[in-house]
Amino acid sequence: MKSCDVPGCEEEESLPFKCKLCDRMYCAKHRLPEQHECPMIGIYQSEVYKKSKLSQPRKEEEIPKKTKLKHRGEKLLSPRDAETKSVYYEPQDRFLTRSSFFNIQSLRRDYLNILIILVIFSTFITLNIIVLHTLYRGLPIAALDWNVVFINIGAINFIFGGYFVIQKITARYMKEETKVVLWLWGIVLGILSILLPLFAVPGFLTFKEGRSSNNNRGKISFIGISWILTWCTVILIFLYSNGFGVPYLAELSYAPSLMLLFVLFSLLPFGIFAGKYISGWNRYVHMGSFLYTFIIFILYLIVRY
């Protein structure tokens, strides 16, 4: 027990109160400086002491500023641009995505991208047919059979559009995330292909990096290639049988040549081509697809010419 330090106070406390000014022990009755006539009470009541006990505002330089998100310097990218320019895609697809003219983020739906691809592709094909007919063959444009042109363009749109659609459906079934992008440089090369013997496709199917397996990418790509080869085989049968008596079916000569060339290029096992995915999944399937495409193309040349 501790007795109170106030003279004459006989109170004893097991837990006495210590004055913060004079550092002496007091009972509960005399615990405040005014109650025990603390000799330091003048300091306690001074304005200097009161101000020293007030919480001082932090200096402006001491207040931490909000950390800015830094991406490529101080420029902040929107979620759409950040996703497009990140390593979110497969390495061979990043080049396509960064140079894409439109992609799924800008149009929000892949099927709108596919529709734009078909419109651009059809325009290139139509202009190429006109140039081939008039400039290289020297025939007047009035002699061009537009019914045959439209039938071939319709067949190409059906096959090429179905190529993207069936891959999207398969990817959704396999729970893989894919995007159809319109390739800017493919459009540029497509413009040149009107006059020159070039082949360019304005769109590609890309896969998200880290969210798809090699086997699934190969299967999805193979299903798309199989779709084209199936219809090219059907058209080849039409050509061989003279359209089964249907005049316009026998005129589907331009569509298979273009689609088979597309497949031959797509089956290249490197770079940005679908053959890289198929070969990574099953190289025997890739070799078989390439061999079948080559045979179909030779048969098409024999039947056509």
C-alpha atoms as a PDB file:
ATOM      1  CA  MET A   1       0.000   0.000   0.000  1.00  0.00           C
ATOM      2  CA  LYS A   2       1.194   3.500  -0.853  1.00  0.00           C
ATOM      3  CA  SER A   3       0.221   6.569   1.150  1.00  0.00           C
ATOM      4  CA  CYS A   4      -0.793   9.850  -0.461  1.00  0.00           C
ATOM      5  CA  ASP A   5       1.943  12.534  -0.733  1.00  0.00           C
ATOM      6  CA  VAL A   6      -0.432  15.326   0.324  1.00  0.00           C
ATOM      7  CA  PRO A   7       0.546  16.430   3.876  1.00  0.00           C
ATOM      8  CA  GLY A   8      -2.069  15.336   6.385  1.00  0.00           C
ATOM      9  CA  CYS A   9      -3.759  12.833   4.047  1.00  0.00           C
ATOM     10  CA  GLU A  10      -3.854   9.401   5.597  1.00  0.00           C
ATOM     11  CA  GLU A  11      -5.380   7.648   2.593  1.00  0.00           C
ATOM     12  CA  GLU A  12      -3.457   4.635   1.344  1.00  0.00           C
ATOM     13  CA  GLU A  13      -3.842   3.272  -2.204  1.00  0.00           C
ATOM     14  CA  SER A  14      -2.781  -0.048  -3.611  1.00  0.00           C
ATOM     15  CA  LEU A  15      -2.734   1.593  -7.045  1.00  0.00           C
ATOM     16  CA  PRO A  16      -1.959   5.261  -6.467  1.00  0.00           C
ATOM     17  CA  PHE A  17      -2.192   7.955  -9.157  1.00  0.00           C
ATOM     18  CA  LYS A  18       1.028   9.493 -10.393  1.00  0.00           C
ATOM     19  CA  CYS A  19       0.923  13.171 -11.315  1.00  0.00           C
ATOM     20  CA  LYS A  20       2.378  13.797 -14.745  1.00  0.00           C
ATOM     21  CA  LEU A  21       3.645  17.238 -13.685  1.00  0.00           C
ATOM     22  CA  CYS A  22       5.418  16.627 -10.378  1.00  0.00           C
ATOM     23  CA  ASP A  23       5.823  12.820 -10.594  1.00  0.00           C
ATOM     24  CA  ARG A  24       4.418  12.243  -7.070  1.00  0.00           C
ATOM     25  CA  MET A  25       1.863   9.643  -5.922  1.00  0.00           C
ATOM     26  CA  TYR A  26      -1.623  10.668  -4.789  1.00  0.00           C
ATOM     27  CA  CYS A  27      -4.861   9.075  -3.803  1.00  0.00           C
ATOM     28  CA  ALA A  28      -8.020   9.264  -5.780  1.00  0.00           C
ATOM     29  CA  LYS A  29      -9.134  12.344  -3.842  1.00  0.00           C
ATOM     30  CA  HIS A  30      -5.984  14.349  -4.655  1.00  0.00           C
ATOM     31  CA  ARG A  31      -5.081  12.931  -8.044  1.00  0.00           C
ATOM     32  CA  LEU A  32      -5.701  16.118 -10.055  1.00  0.00           C
ATOM     33  CA  PRO A  33      -3.050  18.924 -10.021  1.00  0.00           C
ATOM     34  CA  GLU A  34      -5.599  21.429  -8.638  1.00  0.00           C
ATOM     35  CA  GLN A  35      -6.539  19.046  -5.809  1.00  0.00           C
ATOM     36  CA  HIS A  36      -3.025  18.565  -4.452  1.00  0.00           C
ATOM     37  CA  GLU A  37      -1.849  22.095  -5.234  1.00  0.00           C
ATOM     38  CA  CYS A  38       0.780  20.895  -7.634  1.00  0.00           C
ATOM     39  CA  PRO A  39       3.815  23.219  -7.743  1.00  0.00           C
ATOM     40  CA  MET A  40       3.961  22.737 -11.530  1.00  0.00           C
ATOM     41  CA  ILE A  41       0.349  23.805 -12.074  1.00  0.00           C
ATOM     42  CA  GLY A  42       1.418  27.087 -13.610  1.00  0.00           C
ATOM     43  CA  ILE A  43       3.017  25.244 -16.473  1.00  0.00           C
ATOM     44  CA  TYR A  44      -0.038  23.051 -16.705  1.00  0.00           C
ATOM     45  CA  GLN A  45      -2.323  26.052 -17.162  1.00  0.00           C
ATOM     46  CA  SER A  46      -0.072  27.985 -19.550  1.00  0.00           C
ATOM     47  CA  GLU A  47      -1.004  28.463 -23.189  1.00  0.00           C
ATOM     48  CA  VAL A  48       2.350  27.086 -24.296  1.00  0.00           C
ATOM     49  CA  TYR A  49       1.650  23.794 -22.545  1.00  0.00           C
ATOM     50  CA  LYS A  50      -1.875  23.571 -23.950  1.00  0.00           C
ATOM     51  CA  LYS A  51      -0.640  24.174 -27.477  1.00  0.00           C
ATOM     52  CA  SER A  52       2.085  21.567 -27.089  1.00  0.00           C
ATOM     53  CA  LYS A  53      -0.539  18.969 -26.233  1.00  0.00           C
ATOM     54  CA  LEU A  54      -2.662  19.701 -29.262  1.00  0.00           C
ATOM     55  CA  SER A  55      -2.210  17.394 -32.258  1.00  0.00           C
ATOM     56  CA  GLN A  56      -0.153  19.209 -34.848  1.00  0.00           C
ATOM     57  CA  PRO A  57      -1.066  18.881 -38.548  1.00  0.00           C
ATOM     58  CA  ARG A  58       1.380  16.888 -40.601  1.00  0.00           C
ATOM     59  CA  LYS A  59       3.549  18.769 -42.966  1.00  0.00           C
ATOM     60  CA  GLU A  60       2.429  18.672 -46.563  1.00  0.00           C
ATOM     61  CA  GLU A  61       5.558  16.905 -47.686  1.00  0.00           C
ATOM     62  CA  GLU A  62       5.029  14.226 -45.033  1.00  0.00           C
ATOM     63  CA  ILE A  63       1.577  13.303 -46.301  1.00  0.00           C
ATOM     64  CA  PRO A  64       2.056  10.363 -48.677  1.00  0.00           C
ATOM     65  CA  LYS A  65       0.591  10.979 -52.070  1.00  0.00           C
ATOM     66  CA  LYS A  66      -1.600   8.416 -53.741  1.00  0.00           C
ATOM     67  CA  THR A  67       0.465   6.067 -55.756  1.00  0.00           C
ATOM     68  CA  LYS A  68      -0.187   6.466 -59.436  1.00  0.00           C
ATOM     69  CA  LEU A  69      -0.554   3.475 -61.647  1.00  0.00           C
ATOM     70  CA  LYS A  70       2.323   3.507 -64.052  1.00  0.00           C
ATOM     71  CA  HIS A  71       2.145   1.818 -67.393  1.00  0.00           C
ATOM     72  CA  ARG A  72       4.480   2.901 -70.143  1.00  0.00           C
ATOM     73  CA  GLY A  73       5.568   6.023 -68.308  1.00  0.00           C
ATOM     74  CA  GLU A  74       2.847   8.090 -66.654  1.00  0.00           C
ATOM     75  CA  LYS A  75       0.167   7.239 -69.200  1.00  0.00           C
ATOM     76  CA  LEU A  76      -2.782   5.369 -67.755  1.00  0.00           C
ATOM     77  CA  LEU A  77      -4.424   2.886 -70.089  1.00  0.00           C
ATOM     78  CA  SER A  78      -8.058   2.000 -70.096  1.00  0.00           C
ATOM     79  CA  PRO A  79      -8.922  -1.626 -69.219  1.00  0.00           C
ATOM     80  CA  ARG A  80      -9.579  -2.291 -72.909  1.00  0.00           C
ATOM     81  CA  ASP A  81      -6.221  -0.897 -74.061  1.00  0.00           C
ATOM     82  CA  ALA A  82      -4.352  -2.450 -71.152  1.00  0.00           C
ATOM     83  CA  GLU A  83      -5.720  -5.881 -72.053  1.00  0.00           C
ATOM     84  CA  THR A  84      -5.014  -5.430 -75.746  1.00  0.00           C
ATOM     85  CA  LYS A  85      -1.427  -4.275 -75.225  1.00  0.00           C
ATOM     86  CA  SER A  86      -0.529  -6.733 -72.477  1.00  0.00           C
ATOM     87  CA  VAL A  87       0.966 -10.201 -72.678  1.00  0.00           C
ATOM     88  CA  TYR A  88      -2.558 -11.528 -72.385  1.00  0.00           C
ATOM     89  CA  TYR A  89      -2.404 -13.201 -75.768  1.00  0.00           C
ATOM     90  CA  GLU A  90      -0.316 -16.018 -77.075  1.00  0.00           C
ATOM     91  CA  PRO A  91       3.127 -14.769 -78.208  1.00  0.00           C
ATOM     92  CA  GLN A  92       2.380 -15.269 -81.902  1.00  0.00           C
ATOM     93  CA  ASP A  93      -0.954 -13.473 -81.486  1.00  0.00           C
ATOM     94  CA  ARG A  94       0.388 -10.347 -79.804  1.00  0.00           C
ATOM     95  CA  PHE A  95       1.636  -8.962 -83.110  1.00  0.00           C
ATOM     96  CA  LEU A  96      -1.793  -9.456 -84.652  1.00  0.00           C
ATOM     97  CA  THR A  97      -3.622  -7.960 -81.694  1.00  0.00           C
ATOM     98  CA  ARG A  98      -1.415  -4.896 -81.361  1.00  0.00           C
ATOM     99  CA  SER A  99      -1.816  -4.145 -85.059  1.00  0.00           C
ATOM    100  CA  SER A 100      -5.518  -4.972 -85.178  1.00  0.00           C
ATOM    101  CA  PHE A 101      -7.851  -2.422 -86.726  1.00  0.00           C
ATOM    102  CA  PHE A 102     -10.846  -3.570 -84.726  1.00  0.00           C
ATOM    103  CA  ASN A 103     -11.075  -6.244 -82.083  1.00  0.00           C
ATOM    104  CA  ILE A 104     -13.592  -7.709 -79.700  1.00  0.00           C
ATOM    105  CA  GLN A 105     -13.148  -4.866 -77.190  1.00  0.00           C
ATOM    106  CA  SER A 106     -14.043  -2.158 -79.691  1.00  0.00           C
ATOM    107  CA  LEU A 107     -17.043  -3.920 -81.233  1.00  0.00           C
ATOM    108  CA  ARG A 108     -17.811  -6.036 -78.148  1.00  0.00           C
ATOM    109  CA  ARG A 109     -19.026  -9.016 -80.194  1.00  0.00           C
ATOM    110  CA  ASP A 110     -16.916 -11.389 -82.260  1.00  0.00           C
ATOM    111  CA  TYR A 111     -19.700 -12.016 -84.755  1.00  0.00           C
ATOM    112  CA  LEU A 112     -19.709  -8.350 -85.719  1.00  0.00           C
ATOM    113  CA  ASN A 113     -15.979  -8.632 -86.336  1.00  0.00           C
ATOM    114  CA  ILE A 114     -16.579 -11.677 -88.529  1.00  0.00           C
ATOM    115  CA  LEU A 115     -19.210  -9.774 -90.505  1.00  0.00           C
ATOM    116  CA  ILE A 116     -16.781  -6.894 -91.119  1.00  0.00           C
ATOM    117  CA  ILE A 117     -14.087  -9.366 -92.183  1.00  0.00           C
ATOM    118  CA  LEU A 118     -16.442 -10.926 -94.732  1.00  0.00           C
ATOM    119  CA  VAL A 119     -17.476  -7.552 -96.152  1.00  0.00           C
ATOM    120  CA  ILE A 120     -13.849  -6.460 -96.594  1.00  0.00           C
ATOM    121  CA  PHE A 121     -12.802  -9.842 -97.958  1.00  0.00           C
ATOM    122  CA  SER A 122     -15.684  -9.877-100.446  1.00  0.00           C
ATOM    123  CA  THR A 123     -14.731  -6.417-101.661  1.00  0.00           C
ATOM    124  CA  PHE A 124     -11.154  -7.496-102.303  1.00  0.00           C
ATOM    125  CA  ILE A 125     -12.275 -10.637-104.132  1.00  0.00           C
ATOM    126  CA  THR A 126     -14.740  -8.755-106.331  1.00  0.00           C
ATOM    127  CA  LEU A 127     -12.171  -6.151-107.316  1.00  0.00           C
ATOM    128  CA  ASN A 128      -9.598  -8.883-107.956  1.00  0.00           C
ATOM    129  CA  ILE A 129     -11.986 -10.707-110.297  1.00  0.00           C
ATOM    130  CA  ILE A 130     -12.702  -7.497-112.192  1.00  0.00           C
ATOM    131  CA  VAL A 131      -8.992  -6.673-112.552  1.00  0.00           C
ATOM    132  CA  LEU A 132      -8.186 -10.258-113.565  1.00  0.00           C
ATOM    133  CA  HIS A 133     -10.971 -10.224-116.168  1.00  0.00           C
ATOM    134  CA  THR A 134     -10.293  -6.813-117.664  1.00  0.00           C
ATOM    135  CA  LEU A 135      -6.613  -6.005-117.118  1.00  0.00           C
ATOM    136  CA  TYR A 136      -4.943  -9.400-117.511  1.00  0.00           C
ATOM    137  CA  ARG A 137      -7.360 -11.126-119.893  1.00  0.00           C
ATOM    138  CA  GLY A 138      -8.215  -7.989-121.841  1.00  0.00           C
ATOM    139  CA  LEU A 139     -11.954  -8.677-121.799  1.00  0.00           C
ATOM    140  CA  PRO A 140     -14.577  -5.936-121.389  1.00  0.00           C
ATOM    141  CA  ILE A 141     -16.257  -5.662-118.013  1.00  0.00           C
ATOM    142  CA  ALA A 142     -19.650  -6.028-119.729  1.00  0.00           C
ATOM    143  CA  ALA A 143     -18.696  -9.599-120.664  1.00  0.00           C
ATOM    144  CA  LEU A 144     -18.276 -10.535-117.013  1.00  0.00           C
ATOM    145  CA  ASP A 145     -20.969 -12.917-115.769  1.00  0.00           C
ATOM    146  CA  TRP A 146     -21.999 -11.321-112.488  1.00  0.00           C
ATOM    147  CA  ASN A 147     -24.161 -14.284-111.505  1.00  0.00           C
ATOM    148  CA  VAL A 148     -21.075 -16.487-111.471  1.00  0.00           C
ATOM    149  CA  VAL A 149     -19.149 -13.831-109.528  1.00  0.00           C
ATOM    150  CA  PHE A 150     -21.819 -13.528-106.863  1.00  0.00           C
ATOM    151  CA  ILE A 151     -22.170 -17.308-106.537  1.00  0.00           C
ATOM    152  CA  ASN A 152     -18.440 -17.700-105.936  1.00  0.00           C
ATOM    153  CA  ILE A 153     -18.352 -14.789-103.494  1.00  0.00           C
ATOM    154  CA  GLY A 154     -21.348 -16.229-101.659  1.00  0.00           C
ATOM    155  CA  ALA A 155     -19.649 -19.625-101.411  1.00  0.00           C
ATOM    156  CA  ILE A 156     -16.444 -18.002-100.138  1.00  0.00           C
ATOM    157  CA  ASN A 157     -18.338 -16.008 -97.515  1.00  0.00           C
ATOM    158  CA  PHE A 158     -20.195 -19.117 -96.382  1.00  0.00           C
ATOM    159  CA  ILE A 159     -17.007 -21.174 -96.056  1.00  0.00           C
ATOM    160  CA  PHE A 160     -14.788 -18.451 -94.643  1.00  0.00           C
ATOM    161  CA  GLY A 161     -17.424 -17.116 -92.247  1.00  0.00           C
ATOM    162  CA  GLY A 162     -18.228 -20.634 -91.100  1.00  0.00           C
ATOM    163  CA  TYR A 163     -14.518 -21.160 -90.477  1.00  0.00           C
ATOM    164  CA  PHE A 164     -14.596 -18.500 -87.747  1.00  0.00           C
ATOM    165  CA  VAL A 165     -18.036 -19.373 -86.413  1.00  0.00           C
ATOM    166  CA  ILE A 166     -17.355 -23.079 -85.964  1.00  0.00           C
ATOM    167  CA  GLN A 167     -14.107 -22.293 -84.163  1.00  0.00           C
ATOM    168  CA  LYS A 168     -15.932 -19.901 -81.822  1.00  0.00           C
ATOM    169  CA  ILE A 169     -18.598 -22.522 -81.099  1.00  0.00           C
ATOM    170  CA  THR A 170     -15.959 -25.189 -80.479  1.00  0.00           C
ATOM    171  CA  ALA A 171     -13.967 -22.851 -78.233  1.00  0.00           C
ATOM    172  CA  ARG A 172     -17.072 -22.086 -76.202  1.00  0.00           C
ATOM    173  CA  TYR A 173     -17.791 -25.787 -75.859  1.00  0.00           C
ATOM    174  CA  MET A 174     -14.197 -26.347 -74.650  1.00  0.00           C
ATOM    175  CA  LYS A 175     -14.474 -23.288 -72.374  1.00  0.00           C
ATOM    176  CA  GLU A 176     -11.605 -21.556 -74.143  1.00  0.00           C
ATOM    177  CA  GLU A 177     -11.491 -17.788 -74.545  1.00  0.00           C
ATOM    178  CA  THR A 178     -10.838 -16.620 -78.109  1.00  0.00           C
ATOM    179  CA  LYS A 179     -11.091 -13.356 -79.987  1.00  0.00           C
ATOM    180  CA  VAL A 180     -11.503 -12.534 -83.655  1.00  0.00           C
ATOM    181  CA  VAL A 181      -9.407  -9.546 -84.675  1.00  0.00           C
ATOM    182  CA  LEU A 182      -9.341  -7.551 -87.856  1.00  0.00           C
ATOM    183  CA  TRP A 183      -5.722  -7.362 -88.921  1.00  0.00           C
ATOM    184  CA  LEU A 184      -4.650  -3.958 -90.216  1.00  0.00           C
ATOM    185  CA  TRP A 185      -1.724  -5.248 -92.241  1.00  0.00           C
ATOM    186  CA  GLY A 186      -3.921  -7.982 -93.673  1.00  0.00           C
ATOM    187  CA  ILE A 187      -6.179  -5.231 -94.999  1.00  0.00           C
ATOM    188  CA  VAL A 188      -3.185  -3.415 -96.481  1.00  0.00           C
ATOM    189  CA  LEU A 189      -1.948  -6.597 -98.176  1.00  0.00           C
ATOM    190  CA  GLY A 190      -5.512  -7.286 -99.310  1.00  0.00           C
ATOM    191  CA  ILE A 191      -5.566  -3.955-101.122  1.00  0.00           C
ATOM    192  CA  LEU A 192      -2.314  -4.867-102.853  1.00  0.00           C
ATOM    193  CA  SER A 193      -3.728  -8.302-103.748  1.00  0.00           C
ATOM    194  CA  ILE A 194      -6.259  -6.590-106.016  1.00  0.00           C
ATOM    195  CA  LEU A 195      -3.475  -5.894-108.511  1.00  0.00           C
ATOM    196  CA  LEU A 196      -0.724  -8.284-107.439  1.00  0.00           C
ATOM    197  CA  PRO A 197      -0.748 -12.082-106.982  1.00  0.00           C
ATOM    198  CA  LEU A 198      -0.778 -11.833-103.199  1.00  0.00           C
ATOM    199  CA  PHE A 199      -2.928 -13.588-100.647  1.00  0.00           C
ATOM    200  CA  ALA A 200      -3.976 -11.841 -97.455  1.00  0.00           C
ATOM    201  CA  VAL A 201      -6.696 -12.428 -94.909  1.00  0.00           C
ATOM    202  CA  PRO A 202      -8.008  -9.408 -92.977  1.00  0.00           C
ATOM    203  CA  GLY A 203      -8.855 -11.343 -89.826  1.00  0.00           C
ATOM    204  CA  PHE A 204      -7.506 -13.940 -87.408  1.00  0.00           C
ATOM    205  CA  LEU A 205      -8.670 -15.952 -84.438  1.00  0.00           C
ATOM    206  CA  THR A 206      -6.508 -15.382 -81.349  1.00  0.00           C
ATOM    207  CA  PHE A 207      -6.293 -17.237 -78.052  1.00  0.00           C
ATOM    208  CA  LYS A 208      -5.784 -15.740 -74.606  1.00  0.00           C
ATOM    209  CA  GLU A 209      -2.440 -16.582 -73.106  1.00  0.00           C
ATOM    210  CA  GLY A 210      -2.433 -18.659 -69.962  1.00  0.00           C
ATOM    211  CA  ARG A 211      -6.113 -19.537 -70.308  1.00  0.00           C
ATOM    212  CA  SER A 212      -5.978 -22.150 -73.034  1.00  0.00           C
ATOM    213  CA  SER A 213      -4.146 -25.432 -73.430  1.00  0.00           C
ATOM    214  CA  ASN A 214      -2.031 -26.467 -76.402  1.00  0.00           C
ATOM    215  CA  ASN A 215      -4.281 -29.431 -77.123  1.00  0.00           C
ATOM    216  CA  ASN A 216      -7.450 -27.342 -77.174  1.00  0.00           C
ATOM    217  CA  ARG A 217      -5.895 -24.711 -79.400  1.00  0.00           C
ATOM    218  CA  GLY A 218      -4.837 -27.422 -81.827  1.00  0.00           C
ATOM    219  CA  LYS A 219      -8.272 -29.043 -81.830  1.00  0.00           C
ATOM    220  CA  ILE A 220     -10.062 -25.742 -82.400  1.00  0.00           C
ATOM    221  CA  SER A 221      -7.757 -24.833 -85.280  1.00  0.00           C
ATOM    222  CA  PHE A 222      -8.101 -28.289 -86.821  1.00  0.00           C
ATOM    223  CA  ILE A 223     -11.897 -28.132 -86.721  1.00  0.00           C
ATOM    224  CA  GLY A 224     -11.789 -24.819 -88.584  1.00  0.00           C
ATOM    225  CA  ILE A 225      -9.439 -26.241 -91.221  1.00  0.00           C
ATOM    226  CA  SER A 226     -11.612 -29.365 -91.526  1.00  0.00           C
ATOM    227  CA  TRP A 227     -14.646 -27.182 -92.197  1.00  0.00           C
ATOM    228  CA  ILE A 228     -12.929 -25.562 -95.177  1.00  0.00           C
ATOM    229  CA  LEU A 229     -11.536 -28.832 -96.537  1.00  0.00           C
ATOM    230  CA  THR A 230     -14.949 -30.484 -96.311  1.00  0.00           C
ATOM    231  CA  TRP A 231     -16.658 -27.829 -98.403  1.00  0.00           C
ATOM    232  CA  CYS A 232     -13.779 -27.665-100.875  1.00  0.00           C
ATOM    233  CA  THR A 233     -14.161 -31.409-101.355  1.00  0.00           C
ATOM    234  CA  VAL A 234     -17.913 -30.976-101.942  1.00  0.00           C
ATOM    235  CA  ILE A 235     -17.285 -28.237-104.515  1.00  0.00           C
ATOM    236  CA  LEU A 236     -14.675 -30.421-106.198  1.00  0.00           C
ATOM    237  CA  ILE A 237     -17.315 -33.152-106.540  1.00  0.00           C
ATOM    238  CA  PHE A 238     -19.677 -30.566-108.070  1.00  0.00           C
ATOM    239  CA  LEU A 239     -17.017 -29.580-110.596  1.00  0.00           C
ATOM    240  CA  TYR A 240     -16.203 -33.190-111.452  1.00  0.00           C
ATOM    241  CA  SER A 241     -19.890 -34.080-111.964  1.00  0.00           C
ATOM    242  CA  ASN A 242     -20.650 -30.845-113.836  1.00  0.00           C
ATOM    243  CA  GLY A 243     -22.836 -29.596-110.996  1.00  0.00           C
ATOM    244  CA  PHE A 244     -25.215 -32.601-111.124  1.00  0.00           C
ATOM    245  CA  GLY A 245     -27.091 -30.769-113.856  1.00  0.00           C
ATOM    246  CA  VAL A 246     -27.367 -27.500-111.917  1.00  0.00           C
ATOM    247  CA  PRO A 247     -25.617 -24.861-114.061  1.00  0.00           C
ATOM    248  CA  TYR A 248     -24.404 -22.562-111.308  1.00  0.00           C
ATOM    249  CA  LEU A 249     -22.918 -25.355-109.195  1.00  0.00           C
ATOM    250  CA  ALA A 250     -20.548 -26.114-112.056  1.00  0.00           C
ATOM    251  CA  GLU A 251     -19.360 -22.498-111.967  1.00  0.00           C
ATOM    252  CA  LEU A 252     -17.954 -22.688-108.436  1.00  0.00           C
ATOM    253  CA  SER A 253     -14.405 -22.638-109.737  1.00  0.00           C
ATOM    254  CA  TYR A 254     -12.974 -19.575-108.022  1.00  0.00           C
ATOM    255  CA  ALA A 255     -14.043 -20.388-104.458  1.00  0.00           C
ATOM    256  CA  PRO A 256     -12.075 -23.631-103.903  1.00  0.00           C
ATOM    257  CA  SER A 257      -8.845 -22.206-105.319  1.00  0.00           C
ATOM    258  CA  LEU A 258      -8.933 -19.315-102.865  1.00  0.00           C
ATOM    259  CA  MET A 259      -9.940 -21.432 -99.885  1.00  0.00           C
ATOM    260  CA  LEU A 260      -7.360 -24.146-100.580  1.00  0.00           C
ATOM    261  CA  LEU A 261      -4.639 -21.511-100.824  1.00  0.00           C
ATOM    262  CA  PHE A 262      -5.810 -20.153 -97.494  1.00  0.00           C
ATOM    263  CA  VAL A 263      -5.576 -23.619 -95.926  1.00  0.00           C
ATOM    264  CA  LEU A 264      -2.100 -24.241 -97.350  1.00  0.00           C
ATOM    265  CA  PHE A 265      -0.859 -21.015 -95.827  1.00  0.00           C
ATOM    266  CA  SER A 266      -2.700 -21.608 -92.555  1.00  0.00           C
ATOM    267  CA  LEU A 267      -1.111 -25.036 -92.106  1.00  0.00           C
ATOM    268  CA  LEU A 268       2.408 -23.608 -92.026  1.00  0.00           C
ATOM    269  CA  PRO A 269       3.745 -24.780 -88.630  1.00  0.00           C
ATOM    270  CA  PHE A 270       5.311 -21.540 -87.437  1.00  0.00           C
ATOM    271  CA  GLY A 271       4.676 -17.900 -86.708  1.00  0.00           C
ATOM    272  CA  ILE A 272       1.100 -16.689 -86.655  1.00  0.00           C
ATOM    273  CA  PHE A 273      -0.390 -19.573 -88.610  1.00  0.00           C
ATOM    274  CA  ALA A 274      -2.880 -22.137 -87.277  1.00  0.00           C
ATOM    275  CA  GLY A 275      -0.529 -24.961 -88.276  1.00  0.00           C
ATOM    276  CA  LYS A 276       1.583 -24.076 -85.242  1.00  0.00           C
ATOM    277  CA  TYR A 277      -1.325 -24.961 -82.964  1.00  0.00           C
ATOM    278  CA  ILE A 278      -2.238 -28.143 -84.848  1.00  0.00           C
ATOM    279  CA  SER A 279       1.360 -29.332 -84.962  1.00  0.00           C
ATOM    280  CA  GLY A 280       1.739 -28.643 -81.236  1.00  0.00           C
ATOM    281  CA  TRP A 281      -1.334 -30.756 -80.570  1.00  0.00           C
ATOM    282  CA  ASN A 282      -0.675 -33.669 -82.959  1.00  0.00           C
ATOM    283  CA  ARG A 283       1.958 -33.511 -85.665  1.00  0.00           C
ATOM    284  CA  TYR A 284       0.507 -36.533 -87.488  1.00  0.00           C
ATOM    285  CA  VAL A 285      -2.860 -34.795 -87.796  1.00  0.00           C
ATOM    286  CA  HIS A 286      -1.036 -31.719 -89.035  1.00  0.00           C
ATOM    287  CA  MET A 287       0.930 -33.680 -91.651  1.00  0.00           C
ATOM    288  CA  GLY A 288      -2.219 -35.521 -92.747  1.00  0.00           C
ATOM    289  CA  SER A 289      -4.136 -32.258 -93.120  1.00  0.00           C
ATOM    290  CA  PHE A 290      -1.369 -30.710 -95.163  1.00  0.00           C
ATOM    291  CA  LEU A 291      -1.102 -33.782 -97.418  1.00  0.00           C
ATOM    292  CA  TYR A 292      -4.884 -33.950 -97.929  1.00  0.00           C
ATOM    293  CA  THR A 293      -5.004 -30.250 -98.809  1.00  0.00           C
ATOM    294  CA  PHE A 294      -2.196 -30.657-101.323  1.00  0.00           C
ATOM    295  CA  ILE A 295      -3.935 -33.632-102.978  1.00  0.00           C
ATOM    296  CA  ILE A 296      -7.268 -31.791-103.147  1.00  0.00           C
ATOM    297  CA  PHE A 297      -5.546 -28.786-104.686  1.00  0.00           C
ATOM    298  CA  ILE A 298      -3.882 -30.940-107.387  1.00  0.00           C
ATOM    299  CA  LEU A 299      -7.212 -32.617-108.161  1.00  0.00           C
ATOM    300  CA  TYR A 300      -8.864 -29.214-108.390  1.00  0.00           C
ATOM    301  CA  LEU A 301      -6.259 -28.076-110.940  1.00  0.00           C
ATOM    302  CA  ILE A 302      -6.801 -31.264-112.970  1.00  0.00           C
ATOM    303  CA  VAL A 303     -10.606 -30.915-112.982  1.00  0.00           C
ATOM    304  CA  ARG A 304     -10.525 -27.167-113.560  1.00  0.00           C
ATOM    305  CA  TYR A 305      -7.964 -27.072-116.372  1.00  0.00           C
END
